[in-house]
Amino acid sequence: MIGMDNNKKAFLPFVLVFVSINLIALGFEVLMKTWHIDKWVVVGANTLLFLISLYNVYQHLKVVQQNNPHAMVRGVMGSTVLKLFVLGAAAFLYLYNAGEQKNINGLFIGMGLYILYTWMDVRVALLVKPQKKDGGN
């Protein structure tokens, strides 16, 4: 069984990155406007990726309790594809509905955040270690 400390350690990097990116996006509004970046596009992409990543980490913590290494690989690959499809669909819907007001720079930052969250997701999945059934490590 995974202890509470491992759960906190698994979720903490995502919370820190989420809060940091949102503080930067909201705190440096004037600078972002000079670079033609819509802060709400960045905050929206960050929030979407954060929520998907929380779900993925939760799934990783459940899968690690099984003794099947293939389940862990499928979980990591599935989470990456899920994140890609959800972010791609969100970008498509945004571009379709935004019309002339679309913010391409914000979308590029969202793609960068996708890479960051995916890297963190895989890193956490690799660091989570199952505990042996006899209580040892």
N, C-alpha and C. Protein backbone atom coordinates (compact mmCIF):
# COMPACT_ATOMS: atom_id res chain seq x y z
N MET A 1 0.85 -1.19 0.00
CA MET A 1 0.00 0.00 0.00
C MET A 1 0.89 1.24 0.00
N ILE A 2 0.51 2.24 -0.72
CA ILE A 2 1.27 3.48 -0.81
C ILE A 2 0.91 4.34 0.40
N GLY A 3 1.95 4.84 1.07
CA GLY A 3 1.73 5.67 2.25
C GLY A 3 1.34 7.08 1.87
N MET A 4 0.86 7.84 2.82
CA MET A 4 0.43 9.21 2.59
C MET A 4 1.60 10.10 2.19
N ASP A 5 2.80 9.84 2.73
CA ASP A 5 3.95 10.66 2.38
C ASP A 5 4.29 10.54 0.90
N ASN A 6 4.20 9.32 0.34
CA ASN A 6 4.46 9.15 -1.09
C ASN A 6 3.43 9.89 -1.93
N ASN A 7 2.19 9.89 -1.48
CA ASN A 7 1.15 10.62 -2.22
C ASN A 7 1.44 12.11 -2.26
N LYS A 8 1.81 12.67 -1.12
CA LYS A 8 2.12 14.10 -1.07
C LYS A 8 3.33 14.42 -1.93
N LYS A 9 4.34 13.57 -1.87
CA LYS A 9 5.53 13.81 -2.67
C LYS A 9 5.23 13.72 -4.16
N ALA A 10 4.31 12.87 -4.54
CA ALA A 10 3.96 12.71 -5.95
C ALA A 10 3.19 13.91 -6.48
N PHE A 11 2.33 14.51 -5.67
CA PHE A 11 1.50 15.61 -6.13
C PHE A 11 2.16 16.99 -5.96
N LEU A 12 3.09 17.11 -5.05
CA LEU A 12 3.69 18.40 -4.73
C LEU A 12 4.33 19.12 -5.92
N PRO A 13 5.13 18.45 -6.76
CA PRO A 13 5.72 19.19 -7.90
C PRO A 13 4.68 19.80 -8.84
N PHE A 14 3.58 19.10 -9.02
CA PHE A 14 2.53 19.61 -9.90
C PHE A 14 1.86 20.84 -9.31
N VAL A 15 1.62 20.82 -8.02
CA VAL A 15 1.01 21.96 -7.35
C VAL A 15 1.94 23.17 -7.42
N LEU A 16 3.23 22.94 -7.18
CA LEU A 16 4.19 24.04 -7.21
C LEU A 16 4.30 24.66 -8.61
N VAL A 17 4.36 23.83 -9.64
CA VAL A 17 4.44 24.34 -11.01
C VAL A 17 3.14 25.07 -11.38
N PHE A 18 2.01 24.50 -11.02
CA PHE A 18 0.72 25.12 -11.32
C PHE A 18 0.62 26.52 -10.70
N VAL A 19 0.93 26.61 -9.42
CA VAL A 19 0.85 27.91 -8.73
C VAL A 19 1.86 28.89 -9.31
N SER A 20 3.08 28.42 -9.58
CA SER A 20 4.13 29.31 -10.11
C SER A 20 3.75 29.86 -11.48
N ILE A 21 3.28 29.01 -12.37
CA ILE A 21 2.92 29.46 -13.72
C ILE A 21 1.76 30.45 -13.65
N ASN A 22 0.76 30.16 -12.83
CA ASN A 22 -0.37 31.08 -12.72
C ASN A 22 0.04 32.41 -12.11
N LEU A 23 0.93 32.39 -11.11
CA LEU A 23 1.41 33.65 -10.53
C LEU A 23 2.19 34.46 -11.55
N ILE A 24 3.01 33.78 -12.35
CA ILE A 24 3.76 34.49 -13.39
C ILE A 24 2.81 35.08 -14.43
N ALA A 25 1.85 34.29 -14.87
CA ALA A 25 0.91 34.76 -15.90
C ALA A 25 0.08 35.93 -15.40
N LEU A 26 -0.35 35.87 -14.17
CA LEU A 26 -1.20 36.93 -13.64
C LEU A 26 -0.39 38.12 -13.11
N GLY A 27 0.83 37.86 -12.64
CA GLY A 27 1.65 38.92 -12.06
C GLY A 27 2.38 39.78 -13.07
N PHE A 28 2.72 39.20 -14.20
CA PHE A 28 3.47 39.93 -15.23
C PHE A 28 2.58 40.24 -16.42
N GLU A 29 1.39 40.74 -16.14
CA GLU A 29 0.40 41.01 -17.19
C GLU A 29 0.90 42.03 -18.20
N VAL A 30 1.54 43.08 -17.74
CA VAL A 30 2.01 44.13 -18.65
C VAL A 30 3.09 43.58 -19.57
N LEU A 31 4.03 42.82 -19.04
CA LEU A 31 5.09 42.23 -19.85
C LEU A 31 4.51 41.24 -20.86
N MET A 32 3.53 40.47 -20.44
CA MET A 32 2.92 39.50 -21.34
C MET A 32 2.16 40.20 -22.47
N LYS A 33 1.56 41.34 -22.17
CA LYS A 33 0.87 42.10 -23.23
C LYS A 33 1.85 42.63 -24.25
N THR A 34 3.04 43.04 -23.80
CA THR A 34 4.03 43.53 -24.77
C THR A 34 4.53 42.41 -25.67
N TRP A 35 4.49 41.17 -25.19
CA TRP A 35 4.89 40.01 -25.99
C TRP A 35 3.69 39.40 -26.71
N HIS A 36 2.53 40.04 -26.63
CA HIS A 36 1.30 39.57 -27.28
C HIS A 36 0.90 38.18 -26.81
N ILE A 37 0.90 38.01 -25.49
CA ILE A 37 0.49 36.75 -24.88
C ILE A 37 -0.73 37.02 -24.02
N ASP A 38 -1.80 36.30 -24.28
CA ASP A 38 -3.02 36.42 -23.49
C ASP A 38 -2.86 35.58 -22.23
N LYS A 39 -2.91 36.25 -21.09
CA LYS A 39 -2.69 35.54 -19.83
C LYS A 39 -3.74 34.47 -19.59
N TRP A 40 -4.95 34.66 -20.07
CA TRP A 40 -6.01 33.68 -19.81
C TRP A 40 -5.84 32.42 -20.64
N VAL A 41 -5.20 32.53 -21.79
CA VAL A 41 -4.89 31.33 -22.57
C VAL A 41 -3.86 30.49 -21.81
N VAL A 42 -2.85 31.16 -21.25
CA VAL A 42 -1.81 30.47 -20.49
C VAL A 42 -2.40 29.85 -19.22
N VAL A 43 -3.20 30.61 -18.51
CA VAL A 43 -3.82 30.10 -17.27
C VAL A 43 -4.77 28.93 -17.59
N GLY A 44 -5.52 29.04 -18.68
CA GLY A 44 -6.42 27.96 -19.06
C GLY A 44 -5.68 26.68 -19.42
N ALA A 45 -4.62 26.80 -20.22
CA ALA A 45 -3.82 25.63 -20.59
C ALA A 45 -3.17 25.03 -19.35
N ASN A 46 -2.66 25.89 -18.48
CA ASN A 46 -2.01 25.42 -17.25
C ASN A 46 -3.00 24.68 -16.36
N THR A 47 -4.18 25.21 -16.22
CA THR A 47 -5.20 24.58 -15.38
C THR A 47 -5.63 23.24 -15.96
N LEU A 48 -5.84 23.20 -17.26
CA LEU A 48 -6.23 21.95 -17.91
C LEU A 48 -5.16 20.88 -17.74
N LEU A 49 -3.92 21.23 -17.99
CA LEU A 49 -2.82 20.27 -17.84
C LEU A 49 -2.64 19.85 -16.40
N PHE A 50 -2.82 20.76 -15.47
CA PHE A 50 -2.70 20.44 -14.04
C PHE A 50 -3.76 19.42 -13.63
N LEU A 51 -4.99 19.62 -14.04
CA LEU A 51 -6.06 18.69 -13.66
C LEU A 51 -5.84 17.31 -14.27
N ILE A 52 -5.42 17.27 -15.53
CA ILE A 52 -5.14 15.98 -16.17
C ILE A 52 -3.97 15.30 -15.48
N SER A 53 -2.96 16.06 -15.12
CA SER A 53 -1.79 15.48 -14.45
C SER A 53 -2.14 14.94 -13.08
N LEU A 54 -3.00 15.63 -12.35
CA LEU A 54 -3.43 15.11 -11.04
C LEU A 54 -4.13 13.77 -11.20
N TYR A 55 -4.99 13.67 -12.20
CA TYR A 55 -5.66 12.41 -12.49
C TYR A 55 -4.64 11.32 -12.85
N ASN A 56 -3.67 11.68 -13.68
CA ASN A 56 -2.66 10.72 -14.10
C ASN A 56 -1.82 10.22 -12.93
N VAL A 57 -1.42 11.12 -12.05
CA VAL A 57 -0.62 10.71 -10.89
C VAL A 57 -1.45 9.80 -10.00
N TYR A 58 -2.71 10.13 -9.82
CA TYR A 58 -3.59 9.26 -9.03
C TYR A 58 -3.64 7.86 -9.65
N GLN A 59 -3.75 7.80 -10.97
CA GLN A 59 -3.77 6.50 -11.65
C GLN A 59 -2.44 5.77 -11.50
N HIS A 60 -1.32 6.51 -11.56
CA HIS A 60 -0.01 5.88 -11.37
C HIS A 60 0.11 5.27 -9.98
N LEU A 61 -0.41 5.97 -8.99
CA LEU A 61 -0.34 5.47 -7.62
C LEU A 61 -1.19 4.22 -7.44
N LYS A 62 -2.30 4.13 -8.18
CA LYS A 62 -3.13 2.92 -8.13
C LYS A 62 -2.46 1.76 -8.86
N VAL A 63 -1.88 2.03 -10.02
CA VAL A 63 -1.29 0.97 -10.85
C VAL A 63 -0.05 0.39 -10.19
N VAL A 64 0.70 1.21 -9.47
CA VAL A 64 1.95 0.74 -8.88
C VAL A 64 1.70 -0.33 -7.81
N GLN A 65 0.49 -0.41 -7.31
CA GLN A 65 0.16 -1.44 -6.32
C GLN A 65 0.03 -2.81 -6.96
N GLN A 66 -0.12 -2.87 -8.26
CA GLN A 66 -0.20 -4.15 -8.96
C GLN A 66 1.22 -4.66 -9.21
N ASN A 67 1.35 -5.95 -9.42
CA ASN A 67 2.66 -6.52 -9.70
C ASN A 67 2.91 -6.67 -11.18
N ASN A 68 2.22 -5.94 -12.01
CA ASN A 68 2.34 -6.05 -13.45
C ASN A 68 3.08 -4.82 -13.99
N PRO A 69 4.34 -4.99 -14.42
CA PRO A 69 5.08 -3.84 -14.95
C PRO A 69 4.49 -3.30 -16.25
N HIS A 70 3.81 -4.16 -17.00
CA HIS A 70 3.19 -3.71 -18.25
C HIS A 70 2.06 -2.71 -17.97
N ALA A 71 1.39 -2.87 -16.86
CA ALA A 71 0.31 -1.94 -16.50
C ALA A 71 0.87 -0.55 -16.26
N MET A 72 2.05 -0.47 -15.67
CA MET A 72 2.68 0.83 -15.42
C MET A 72 3.05 1.50 -16.75
N VAL A 73 3.61 0.74 -17.67
CA VAL A 73 3.98 1.29 -18.97
C VAL A 73 2.74 1.75 -19.73
N ARG A 74 1.70 0.94 -19.70
CA ARG A 74 0.44 1.33 -20.36
C ARG A 74 -0.13 2.59 -19.72
N GLY A 75 -0.01 2.69 -18.41
CA GLY A 75 -0.52 3.88 -17.72
C GLY A 75 0.21 5.14 -18.11
N VAL A 76 1.53 5.07 -18.21
CA VAL A 76 2.32 6.24 -18.58
C VAL A 76 2.03 6.63 -20.02
N MET A 77 2.00 5.65 -20.92
CA MET A 77 1.71 5.94 -22.32
C MET A 77 0.28 6.47 -22.49
N GLY A 78 -0.65 5.87 -21.79
CA GLY A 78 -2.04 6.32 -21.87
C GLY A 78 -2.21 7.73 -21.35
N SER A 79 -1.52 8.06 -20.27
CA SER A 79 -1.65 9.41 -19.71
C SER A 79 -1.06 10.45 -20.66
N THR A 80 0.02 10.10 -21.34
CA THR A 80 0.62 11.02 -22.30
C THR A 80 -0.31 11.26 -23.48
N VAL A 81 -0.91 10.20 -23.98
CA VAL A 81 -1.84 10.33 -25.10
C VAL A 81 -3.10 11.08 -24.68
N LEU A 82 -3.61 10.78 -23.50
CA LEU A 82 -4.79 11.48 -22.99
C LEU A 82 -4.53 12.98 -22.90
N LYS A 83 -3.39 13.33 -22.34
CA LYS A 83 -3.04 14.74 -22.20
C LYS A 83 -2.92 15.41 -23.58
N LEU A 84 -2.31 14.70 -24.53
CA LEU A 84 -2.14 15.24 -25.88
C LEU A 84 -3.48 15.47 -26.56
N PHE A 85 -4.37 14.49 -26.49
CA PHE A 85 -5.67 14.63 -27.14
C PHE A 85 -6.53 15.71 -26.50
N VAL A 86 -6.53 15.78 -25.18
CA VAL A 86 -7.35 16.79 -24.50
C VAL A 86 -6.83 18.19 -24.82
N LEU A 87 -5.51 18.37 -24.75
CA LEU A 87 -4.95 19.68 -25.05
C LEU A 87 -5.14 20.03 -26.52
N GLY A 88 -5.00 19.04 -27.41
CA GLY A 88 -5.23 19.29 -28.84
C GLY A 88 -6.67 19.68 -29.12
N ALA A 89 -7.61 18.99 -28.49
CA ALA A 89 -9.02 19.32 -28.67
C ALA A 89 -9.33 20.72 -28.12
N ALA A 90 -8.74 21.04 -26.97
CA ALA A 90 -8.96 22.36 -26.39
C ALA A 90 -8.38 23.45 -27.30
N ALA A 91 -7.20 23.20 -27.87
CA ALA A 91 -6.59 24.18 -28.78
C ALA A 91 -7.45 24.34 -30.03
N PHE A 92 -7.94 23.23 -30.57
CA PHE A 92 -8.80 23.31 -31.76
C PHE A 92 -10.06 24.10 -31.45
N LEU A 93 -10.72 23.81 -30.33
CA LEU A 93 -11.93 24.55 -29.97
C LEU A 93 -11.64 26.04 -29.75
N TYR A 94 -10.51 26.33 -29.12
CA TYR A 94 -10.13 27.72 -28.90
C TYR A 94 -9.93 28.44 -30.24
N LEU A 95 -9.16 27.83 -31.14
CA LEU A 95 -8.90 28.46 -32.44
C LEU A 95 -10.18 28.62 -33.25
N TYR A 96 -11.06 27.65 -33.15
CA TYR A 96 -12.33 27.71 -33.89
C TYR A 96 -13.21 28.84 -33.37
N ASN A 97 -13.27 28.99 -32.05
CA ASN A 97 -14.17 29.97 -31.45
C ASN A 97 -13.57 31.37 -31.31
N ALA A 98 -12.26 31.49 -31.26
CA ALA A 98 -11.62 32.79 -31.02
C ALA A 98 -11.65 33.69 -32.25
N GLY A 99 -11.64 33.12 -33.42
CA GLY A 99 -11.67 33.93 -34.63
C GLY A 99 -10.44 34.81 -34.74
N GLU A 100 -10.66 36.11 -34.94
CA GLU A 100 -9.55 37.06 -35.09
C GLU A 100 -8.84 37.35 -33.77
N GLN A 101 -9.46 37.02 -32.67
CA GLN A 101 -8.89 37.31 -31.36
C GLN A 101 -7.95 36.22 -30.85
N LYS A 102 -7.65 35.24 -31.70
CA LYS A 102 -6.83 34.11 -31.26
C LYS A 102 -5.43 34.58 -30.87
N ASN A 103 -4.84 33.87 -29.91
CA ASN A 103 -3.53 34.22 -29.38
C ASN A 103 -2.58 33.05 -29.60
N ILE A 104 -1.83 33.10 -30.69
CA ILE A 104 -0.93 32.02 -31.06
C ILE A 104 0.22 31.89 -30.05
N ASN A 105 0.73 33.02 -29.55
CA ASN A 105 1.82 32.96 -28.57
C ASN A 105 1.39 32.22 -27.31
N GLY A 106 0.17 32.46 -26.88
CA GLY A 106 -0.36 31.74 -25.72
C GLY A 106 -0.47 30.24 -25.97
N LEU A 107 -0.85 29.88 -27.21
CA LEU A 107 -0.93 28.46 -27.56
C LEU A 107 0.45 27.81 -27.56
N PHE A 108 1.46 28.54 -28.02
CA PHE A 108 2.82 27.99 -27.99
C PHE A 108 3.29 27.79 -26.56
N ILE A 109 2.94 28.69 -25.67
CA ILE A 109 3.28 28.50 -24.26
C ILE A 109 2.54 27.28 -23.71
N GLY A 110 1.30 27.11 -24.12
CA GLY A 110 0.54 25.92 -23.71
C GLY A 110 1.21 24.63 -24.17
N MET A 111 1.77 24.65 -25.39
CA MET A 111 2.49 23.46 -25.88
C MET A 111 3.75 23.21 -25.05
N GLY A 112 4.42 24.29 -24.68
CA GLY A 112 5.59 24.15 -23.81
C GLY A 112 5.20 23.59 -22.45
N LEU A 113 4.06 24.04 -21.93
CA LEU A 113 3.58 23.51 -20.66
C LEU A 113 3.21 22.04 -20.78
N TYR A 114 2.70 21.63 -21.95
CA TYR A 114 2.41 20.22 -22.19
C TYR A 114 3.69 19.39 -22.04
N ILE A 115 4.77 19.87 -22.62
CA ILE A 115 6.05 19.15 -22.51
C ILE A 115 6.51 19.10 -21.06
N LEU A 116 6.40 20.22 -20.34
CA LEU A 116 6.81 20.26 -18.94
C LEU A 116 5.99 19.30 -18.09
N TYR A 117 4.66 19.35 -18.21
CA TYR A 117 3.81 18.48 -17.41
C TYR A 117 3.99 17.01 -17.79
N THR A 118 4.23 16.72 -19.05
CA THR A 118 4.45 15.34 -19.47
C THR A 118 5.76 14.82 -18.89
N TRP A 119 6.80 15.64 -18.93
CA TRP A 119 8.07 15.24 -18.33
C TRP A 119 7.91 14.98 -16.84
N MET A 120 7.20 15.87 -16.14
CA MET A 120 6.99 15.68 -14.71
C MET A 120 6.17 14.42 -14.44
N ASP A 121 5.17 14.19 -15.27
CA ASP A 121 4.31 13.02 -15.11
C ASP A 121 5.11 11.72 -15.24
N VAL A 122 5.95 11.64 -16.26
CA VAL A 122 6.77 10.44 -16.46
C VAL A 122 7.79 10.31 -15.34
N ARG A 123 8.38 11.40 -14.93
CA ARG A 123 9.37 11.37 -13.83
C ARG A 123 8.74 10.86 -12.54
N VAL A 124 7.58 11.36 -12.20
CA VAL A 124 6.90 10.90 -10.99
C VAL A 124 6.53 9.43 -11.11
N ALA A 125 6.08 9.01 -12.29
CA ALA A 125 5.71 7.60 -12.49
C ALA A 125 6.92 6.69 -12.32
N LEU A 126 8.08 7.15 -12.75
CA LEU A 126 9.29 6.34 -12.61
C LEU A 126 9.81 6.32 -11.18
N LEU A 127 9.54 7.38 -10.42
CA LEU A 127 10.04 7.45 -9.05
C LEU A 127 9.15 6.73 -8.05
N VAL A 128 7.89 6.53 -8.40
CA VAL A 128 6.97 5.84 -7.50
C VAL A 128 7.35 4.37 -7.49
N LYS A 129 7.66 3.86 -6.32
CA LYS A 129 8.09 2.48 -6.21
C LYS A 129 7.05 1.69 -5.41
N PRO A 130 6.72 0.51 -5.90
CA PRO A 130 5.77 -0.31 -5.12
C PRO A 130 6.43 -0.87 -3.88
N GLN A 131 5.66 -1.01 -2.84
CA GLN A 131 6.15 -1.66 -1.63
C GLN A 131 5.83 -3.13 -1.70
N LYS A 132 6.75 -3.93 -1.18
CA LYS A 132 6.53 -5.37 -1.20
C LYS A 132 5.40 -5.73 -0.26
N LYS A 133 4.77 -6.84 -0.55
CA LYS A 133 3.59 -7.26 0.23
C LYS A 133 3.94 -7.57 1.68
N ASP A 134 5.23 -7.92 1.96
CA ASP A 134 5.60 -8.25 3.33
C ASP A 134 5.92 -7.00 4.16
N GLY A 135 5.75 -5.80 3.55
CA GLY A 135 5.95 -4.57 4.29
C GLY A 135 7.32 -3.97 4.05
N GLY A 136 8.21 -4.64 3.35
CA GLY A 136 9.54 -4.10 3.07
C GLY A 136 9.51 -3.15 1.92
N ASN A 137 10.67 -2.53 1.63
CA ASN A 137 10.78 -1.58 0.51
C ASN A 137 11.31 -2.24 -0.72
